[in-house]
Amino acid sequence: MREGAGEPSSGASPVLTLRTGLVRAKAMREYRSLEMKFASLCEELNSTRNQRNLKMKKISRLALAIAAVGIMTLHLAAPVGAATPVAPQARPTIVLVHGAFADSSSWNNVARSLRARSFPVIAVANPLRGVKSDAAYVAALVASVKGPVVLVGHSYGGSVISAAADGKANVKALVFVAAFAPDAGESAVDLSGKFPGSTLGPTLAPPVSLPDGAKDLYILQDKFSSQFAADVPAAAGYLMAVSQRPITESALVEAAPAAAWKTIPSWFIYGDRDKNIPPAALAFMAERAKSKKTVVVNGASHVVMISKPNAVSRLIVAAAEAVEADAVQP
């Protein structure tokens, strides 16, 4: 609690103080008068049993009146200028941004866990068309949220949140979930190729040419589980493969316009069996961003938020609680 909360105001008007005192005294007199009437009726009841019903009705009415006046008296007895209790502060809104070859349902188990802890949650449908345009889309949504935001990105979604958060005062924390955290001028392809270990290239299907000249990329369905979600049950992996959302080829080579992780506190989590982004690259980005906390999940694939939702939820909650703690600092 902040210093001085609940203390009487030293600047109360003398007229207001006098008026409050007079009202309080009048209420006390009414309270005592009603008490006396109540006692008198109780005595009559003891001596006149045949009028019991009539007296009981009167007693009930008087009891209600005494209660009402008593509550008013207690309220007026409070010191002039006493502080009004402050409503609890709203919890930060968690905005979840998926990456390539996935959709917003990839956050379902994480979102369920966060909602159980009373956090507002929004899982964004990331367009996957380009870093700048996707970031603008997410930034517009973030701007519509009242109060603090914890922005969470998976995979390519990390590039998006780092650009979207730039200049957004209500974004108080970033969480990178097996995600890119590029510096300005870097691309996803640059970072995944910085260290050995990514096997994504050979698992991609032939690009799909679009009318506007762009090319969409998919992972071959028969390669999807082993490449993208090796620790997810086969049946779930199959459904992920057939419902995967494509990303444009140009989005993966587009240079990041900004790096919000340089000014906004960041947290990182990833699996040590990630085949899309080399774990060494993820470790490099976490260290460069001066991660508040980095969690490496043993045996986890690229979709750690699906296979290990509790670990991911715990880290997001830690980031959100850090935001809450900062908000109450004097």
Protein backbone atom coordinates (compact mmCIF):
# COMPACT_ATOMS: atom_id res chain seq x y z
CA MET A 1 0.00 0.00 0.00
CA ARG A 2 1.24 3.45 -0.80
CA GLU A 3 2.39 5.73 1.97
CA GLY A 4 -0.39 7.80 3.51
CA ALA A 5 -3.30 5.72 2.22
CA GLY A 6 -6.26 5.77 4.61
CA GLU A 7 -5.10 8.78 6.66
CA PRO A 8 -7.52 11.70 7.33
CA SER A 9 -7.17 14.57 4.90
CA SER A 10 -5.43 17.57 6.42
CA GLY A 11 -7.15 19.94 4.00
CA ALA A 12 -10.83 19.26 4.94
CA SER A 13 -13.06 22.36 4.92
CA PRO A 14 -14.11 23.54 8.45
CA VAL A 15 -17.67 23.97 7.16
CA LEU A 16 -17.71 20.43 5.77
CA THR A 17 -16.32 19.06 9.04
CA LEU A 18 -18.97 20.89 11.09
CA ARG A 19 -21.78 19.78 8.79
CA THR A 20 -20.64 16.17 8.93
CA GLY A 21 -20.46 16.33 12.72
CA LEU A 22 -24.03 17.68 12.98
CA VAL A 23 -25.38 14.97 10.66
CA ARG A 24 -23.54 12.33 12.65
CA ALA A 25 -24.95 13.63 15.96
CA LYS A 26 -28.50 13.66 14.56
CA ALA A 27 -28.12 10.10 13.35
CA MET A 28 -26.90 9.00 16.77
CA ARG A 29 -29.94 10.62 18.46
CA GLU A 30 -32.30 8.84 16.07
CA TYR A 31 -30.52 5.58 16.72
CA ARG A 32 -30.90 5.91 20.52
CA SER A 33 -34.57 6.92 20.19
CA LEU A 34 -35.32 3.85 18.11
CA GLU A 35 -33.47 1.66 20.59
CA MET A 36 -35.66 2.99 23.43
CA LYS A 37 -38.85 2.30 21.47
CA PHE A 38 -37.61 -1.20 20.70
CA ALA A 39 -36.98 -1.90 24.40
CA SER A 40 -40.42 -0.52 25.34
CA LEU A 41 -42.20 -2.76 22.86
CA CYS A 42 -40.31 -5.79 24.12
CA GLU A 43 -41.52 -5.05 27.67
CA GLU A 44 -45.11 -4.66 26.44
CA LEU A 45 -44.83 -7.97 24.65
CA ASN A 46 -43.88 -9.72 27.86
CA SER A 47 -46.88 -8.28 29.70
CA THR A 48 -49.53 -8.39 26.95
CA ARG A 49 -49.46 -11.76 25.22
CA ASN A 50 -52.79 -11.33 23.47
CA GLN A 51 -51.42 -8.54 21.27
CA ARG A 52 -48.37 -10.58 20.28
CA ASN A 53 -48.93 -10.52 16.51
CA LEU A 54 -49.43 -6.76 16.33
CA LYS A 55 -46.38 -6.08 18.45
CA MET A 56 -44.22 -8.44 16.44
CA LYS A 57 -45.02 -6.57 13.25
CA LYS A 58 -44.07 -3.30 14.90
CA ILE A 59 -40.87 -4.85 16.28
CA SER A 60 -39.90 -6.12 12.82
CA ARG A 61 -40.33 -2.67 11.31
CA LEU A 62 -38.36 -1.06 14.10
CA ALA A 63 -35.58 -3.63 13.84
CA LEU A 64 -35.17 -2.82 10.16
CA ALA A 65 -35.14 0.90 10.89
CA ILE A 66 -32.51 0.44 13.62
CA ALA A 67 -30.33 -1.56 11.27
CA ALA A 68 -30.56 1.10 8.57
CA VAL A 69 -29.78 3.95 10.92
CA GLY A 70 -26.99 1.94 12.53
CA ILE A 71 -25.30 1.39 9.18
CA MET A 72 -25.61 5.09 8.37
CA THR A 73 -24.17 6.01 11.76
CA LEU A 74 -21.19 3.72 11.33
CA HIS A 75 -20.56 5.20 7.90
CA LEU A 76 -20.69 8.74 9.24
CA ALA A 77 -18.40 7.77 12.11
CA ALA A 78 -15.55 7.29 9.62
CA PRO A 79 -12.96 10.10 9.64
CA VAL A 80 -13.63 12.98 7.27
CA GLY A 81 -11.55 12.49 4.12
CA ALA A 82 -10.89 8.78 4.77
CA ALA A 83 -9.61 7.03 1.66
CA THR A 84 -12.04 5.06 -0.50
CA PRO A 85 -10.86 1.48 -1.14
CA VAL A 86 -9.13 1.23 -4.51
CA ALA A 87 -10.52 -1.32 -7.00
CA PRO A 88 -8.11 -4.14 -7.87
CA GLN A 89 -5.95 -3.38 -10.88
CA ALA A 90 -6.89 -5.17 -14.09
CA ARG A 91 -4.56 -8.01 -15.04
CA PRO A 92 -2.41 -7.60 -18.16
CA THR A 93 -3.91 -8.83 -21.40
CA ILE A 94 -1.96 -11.68 -22.97
CA VAL A 95 -1.81 -11.39 -26.77
CA LEU A 96 -0.66 -14.62 -28.46
CA VAL A 97 0.76 -14.51 -31.99
CA HIS A 98 1.32 -17.78 -33.87
CA GLY A 99 3.99 -18.37 -36.48
CA ALA A 100 4.32 -20.07 -39.86
CA PHE A 101 2.63 -23.40 -40.63
CA ALA A 102 0.29 -22.99 -37.63
CA ASP A 103 -2.81 -21.04 -36.62
CA SER A 104 -4.23 -19.42 -33.49
CA SER A 105 -5.60 -22.75 -32.24
CA SER A 106 -2.00 -23.77 -31.55
CA TRP A 107 -2.34 -21.67 -28.37
CA ASN A 108 -5.50 -23.41 -27.12
CA ASN A 109 -3.98 -25.22 -24.14
CA VAL A 110 -1.87 -22.24 -23.15
CA ALA A 111 -4.88 -19.92 -23.43
CA ARG A 112 -6.96 -22.29 -21.28
CA SER A 113 -4.31 -22.22 -18.56
CA LEU A 114 -4.00 -18.43 -18.66
CA ARG A 115 -7.78 -17.93 -18.52
CA ALA A 116 -7.90 -20.20 -15.47
CA ARG A 117 -5.59 -17.66 -13.81
CA SER A 118 -7.96 -14.81 -14.73
CA PHE A 119 -5.81 -13.27 -17.47
CA PRO A 120 -7.60 -11.78 -20.48
CA VAL A 121 -6.31 -13.58 -23.59
CA ILE A 122 -6.40 -12.82 -27.32
CA ALA A 123 -5.01 -15.31 -29.86
CA VAL A 124 -4.36 -13.33 -33.02
CA ALA A 125 -4.84 -14.71 -36.52
CA ASN A 126 -1.42 -13.74 -37.87
CA PRO A 127 -1.75 -13.05 -41.64
CA LEU A 128 1.75 -14.49 -42.40
CA ARG A 129 2.16 -12.18 -45.40
CA GLY A 130 5.18 -10.09 -44.40
CA VAL A 131 6.94 -8.82 -41.27
CA LYS A 132 5.96 -5.16 -41.66
CA SER A 133 2.35 -5.76 -42.70
CA ASP A 134 1.81 -8.50 -40.11
CA ALA A 135 3.35 -6.27 -37.42
CA ALA A 136 1.03 -3.42 -38.41
CA TYR A 137 -1.94 -5.78 -38.12
CA VAL A 138 -0.92 -6.93 -34.63
CA ALA A 139 -0.02 -3.38 -33.56
CA ALA A 140 -3.52 -2.19 -34.46
CA LEU A 141 -5.02 -4.88 -32.26
CA VAL A 142 -2.63 -4.07 -29.40
CA ALA A 143 -3.59 -0.39 -29.65
CA SER A 144 -7.23 -1.35 -29.10
CA VAL A 145 -6.46 -3.07 -25.79
CA LYS A 146 -6.96 -0.99 -22.67
CA GLY A 147 -4.26 -1.52 -20.09
CA PRO A 148 -0.92 -3.35 -20.14
CA VAL A 149 -0.17 -6.06 -22.67
CA VAL A 150 2.16 -9.06 -22.62
CA LEU A 151 2.93 -9.86 -26.25
CA VAL A 152 3.81 -13.50 -26.98
CA GLY A 153 5.14 -14.82 -30.28
CA HIS A 154 5.91 -18.29 -31.61
CA SER A 155 8.48 -18.92 -34.37
CA TYR A 156 8.05 -16.26 -37.10
CA GLY A 157 5.58 -14.64 -34.69
CA GLY A 158 8.60 -13.48 -32.70
CA SER A 159 9.70 -11.29 -35.61
CA VAL A 160 6.16 -9.90 -35.74
CA ILE A 161 5.82 -9.05 -32.04
CA SER A 162 9.25 -7.44 -31.90
CA ALA A 163 8.24 -5.07 -34.69
CA ALA A 164 4.63 -4.60 -33.53
CA ALA A 165 5.66 -3.60 -29.99
CA ASP A 166 8.00 -0.87 -31.16
CA GLY A 167 6.66 2.44 -29.85
CA LYS A 168 3.65 0.85 -28.11
CA ALA A 169 3.63 2.15 -24.54
CA ASN A 170 1.13 -0.44 -23.30
CA VAL A 171 3.32 -3.41 -24.29
CA LYS A 172 5.15 -4.15 -21.06
CA ALA A 173 6.70 -7.56 -21.76
CA LEU A 174 7.64 -9.81 -24.67
CA VAL A 175 7.71 -13.61 -24.53
CA PHE A 176 9.49 -15.52 -27.30
CA VAL A 177 8.30 -19.13 -27.64
CA ALA A 178 10.73 -21.01 -29.91
CA ALA A 179 10.74 -17.70 -31.71
CA PHE A 180 12.89 -15.36 -33.74
CA ALA A 181 14.03 -12.16 -32.04
CA PRO A 182 15.73 -10.36 -34.91
CA ASP A 183 17.66 -7.15 -34.71
CA ALA A 184 16.64 -4.40 -37.11
CA GLY A 185 17.77 -5.48 -40.58
CA GLU A 186 17.87 -9.21 -39.79
CA SER A 187 15.50 -11.79 -41.28
CA ALA A 188 14.25 -15.18 -40.12
CA VAL A 189 16.36 -16.87 -42.76
CA ASP A 190 19.44 -14.96 -41.59
CA LEU A 191 19.00 -16.16 -38.00
CA SER A 192 18.07 -19.77 -38.75
CA GLY A 193 21.15 -20.04 -40.98
CA LYS A 194 23.46 -18.43 -38.46
CA PHE A 195 23.96 -21.78 -36.71
CA PRO A 196 23.76 -25.36 -38.05
CA GLY A 197 20.78 -27.58 -37.24
CA SER A 198 17.71 -26.43 -39.18
CA THR A 199 16.28 -29.15 -41.45
CA LEU A 200 13.23 -27.20 -42.61
CA GLY A 201 14.33 -26.54 -46.21
CA PRO A 202 14.17 -30.12 -47.55
CA THR A 203 10.73 -30.70 -45.98
CA LEU A 204 9.03 -27.81 -47.80
CA ALA A 205 6.56 -28.51 -50.58
CA PRO A 206 7.00 -26.78 -53.97
CA PRO A 207 5.95 -23.13 -53.53
CA VAL A 208 2.40 -22.18 -54.49
CA SER A 209 2.41 -19.18 -56.85
CA LEU A 210 -0.22 -16.54 -56.05
CA PRO A 211 -1.92 -14.08 -58.42
CA ASP A 212 -0.01 -11.15 -56.92
CA GLY A 213 3.32 -12.80 -57.66
CA ALA A 214 3.97 -13.95 -54.07
CA LYS A 215 4.73 -17.57 -53.24
CA ASP A 216 3.20 -19.52 -50.36
CA LEU A 217 5.20 -22.13 -48.49
CA TYR A 218 3.87 -25.30 -46.86
CA ILE A 219 5.57 -28.25 -45.15
CA LEU A 220 4.98 -31.55 -46.92
CA GLN A 221 2.24 -33.33 -45.00
CA ASP A 222 4.15 -36.59 -44.69
CA LYS A 223 7.16 -34.70 -43.29
CA PHE A 224 5.20 -32.35 -41.03
CA SER A 225 5.17 -34.30 -37.76
CA SER A 226 8.82 -35.33 -37.77
CA GLN A 227 9.99 -31.85 -38.75
CA PHE A 228 7.60 -29.57 -36.89
CA ALA A 229 5.91 -31.49 -34.10
CA ALA A 230 7.87 -34.64 -33.29
CA ASP A 231 6.70 -34.74 -29.66
CA VAL A 232 3.00 -34.31 -30.47
CA PRO A 233 0.76 -37.43 -30.76
CA ALA A 234 0.59 -38.69 -34.35
CA ALA A 235 -3.16 -38.08 -34.73
CA ALA A 236 -2.82 -34.46 -33.60
CA GLY A 237 0.23 -34.00 -35.81
CA TYR A 238 -1.73 -35.21 -38.82
CA LEU A 239 -4.49 -32.66 -38.20
CA MET A 240 -1.89 -29.92 -37.81
CA ALA A 241 -0.38 -30.93 -41.14
CA VAL A 242 -3.64 -30.77 -43.08
CA SER A 243 -4.72 -27.48 -41.46
CA GLN A 244 -1.35 -25.69 -41.58
CA ARG A 245 -1.42 -22.07 -42.69
CA PRO A 246 1.16 -21.05 -45.28
CA ILE A 247 3.63 -18.21 -45.02
CA THR A 248 4.90 -16.24 -47.98
CA GLU A 249 8.47 -16.94 -49.04
CA SER A 250 9.19 -13.21 -48.92
CA ALA A 251 8.14 -12.95 -45.24
CA LEU A 252 10.97 -15.25 -44.18
CA VAL A 253 13.60 -13.16 -45.97
CA GLU A 254 12.14 -9.74 -45.08
CA ALA A 255 14.36 -7.64 -42.82
CA ALA A 256 12.92 -6.71 -39.43
CA PRO A 257 12.08 -2.99 -39.24
CA ALA A 258 12.62 -2.73 -35.46
CA ALA A 259 13.74 -4.66 -32.39
CA ALA A 260 11.47 -3.91 -29.44
CA TRP A 261 13.33 -6.44 -27.28
CA LYS A 262 16.05 -3.81 -26.89
CA THR A 263 13.77 -1.69 -24.72
CA ILE A 264 11.04 -4.05 -23.48
CA PRO A 265 11.79 -6.83 -20.94
CA SER A 266 11.79 -10.23 -22.64
CA TRP A 267 11.45 -13.89 -21.67
CA PHE A 268 12.42 -16.93 -23.78
CA ILE A 269 11.43 -20.61 -23.91
CA TYR A 270 12.29 -23.26 -26.48
CA GLY A 271 12.88 -26.99 -26.88
CA ASP A 272 16.30 -28.58 -27.30
CA ARG A 273 14.93 -30.77 -30.15
CA ASP A 274 13.76 -27.89 -32.33
CA LYS A 275 14.36 -28.71 -36.02
CA ASN A 276 13.06 -25.44 -37.49
CA ILE A 277 15.20 -22.95 -35.56
CA PRO A 278 18.50 -24.34 -34.25
CA PRO A 279 18.60 -24.32 -30.43
CA ALA A 280 21.98 -22.57 -30.67
CA ALA A 281 20.30 -19.72 -32.57
CA LEU A 282 17.54 -19.49 -29.96
CA ALA A 283 20.12 -19.39 -27.16
CA PHE A 284 22.03 -16.67 -29.00
CA MET A 285 18.92 -14.52 -29.38
CA ALA A 286 17.90 -14.97 -25.73
CA GLU A 287 21.34 -13.95 -24.50
CA ARG A 288 21.50 -10.99 -26.86
CA ALA A 289 18.10 -9.77 -25.65
CA LYS A 290 19.24 -10.07 -22.01
CA SER A 291 16.35 -12.43 -21.34
CA LYS A 292 14.83 -12.08 -17.87
CA LYS A 293 14.44 -15.84 -17.81
CA THR A 294 15.24 -18.49 -20.39
CA VAL A 295 13.68 -21.96 -20.19
CA VAL A 296 15.04 -24.83 -22.28
CA VAL A 297 12.58 -27.74 -22.37
CA ASN A 298 14.28 -31.09 -22.71
CA GLY A 299 13.01 -33.16 -25.64
CA ALA A 300 10.60 -30.49 -26.89
CA SER A 301 10.05 -29.83 -30.59
CA HIS A 302 9.40 -26.54 -32.35
CA VAL A 303 5.77 -26.49 -31.14
CA VAL A 304 6.63 -26.41 -27.45
CA MET A 305 3.42 -24.49 -26.69
CA ILE A 306 1.42 -27.54 -27.90
CA SER A 307 3.54 -30.33 -26.46
CA LYS A 308 4.47 -28.55 -23.19
CA PRO A 309 1.74 -25.96 -22.61
CA ASN A 310 2.22 -25.86 -18.83
CA ALA A 311 5.87 -24.87 -19.12
CA VAL A 312 4.98 -22.14 -21.62
CA SER A 313 2.06 -20.91 -19.50
CA ARG A 314 4.26 -20.69 -16.40
CA LEU A 315 6.76 -18.47 -18.18
CA ILE A 316 4.03 -16.20 -19.58
CA VAL A 317 2.52 -15.91 -16.10
CA ALA A 318 5.95 -15.01 -14.70
CA ALA A 319 6.25 -12.22 -17.27
CA ALA A 320 2.72 -10.97 -16.55
CA GLU A 321 3.28 -11.01 -12.79
CA ALA A 322 6.49 -9.03 -13.27
CA VAL A 323 4.41 -6.45 -15.15
CA GLU A 324 1.90 -6.36 -12.28
CA ALA A 325 4.67 -5.97 -9.71
CA ASP A 326 6.16 -3.04 -11.64
CA ALA A 327 2.75 -1.38 -11.82
CA VAL A 328 2.38 -1.19 -8.02
CA GLN A 329 5.85 0.24 -7.39
CA PRO A 330 5.61 3.74 -5.84
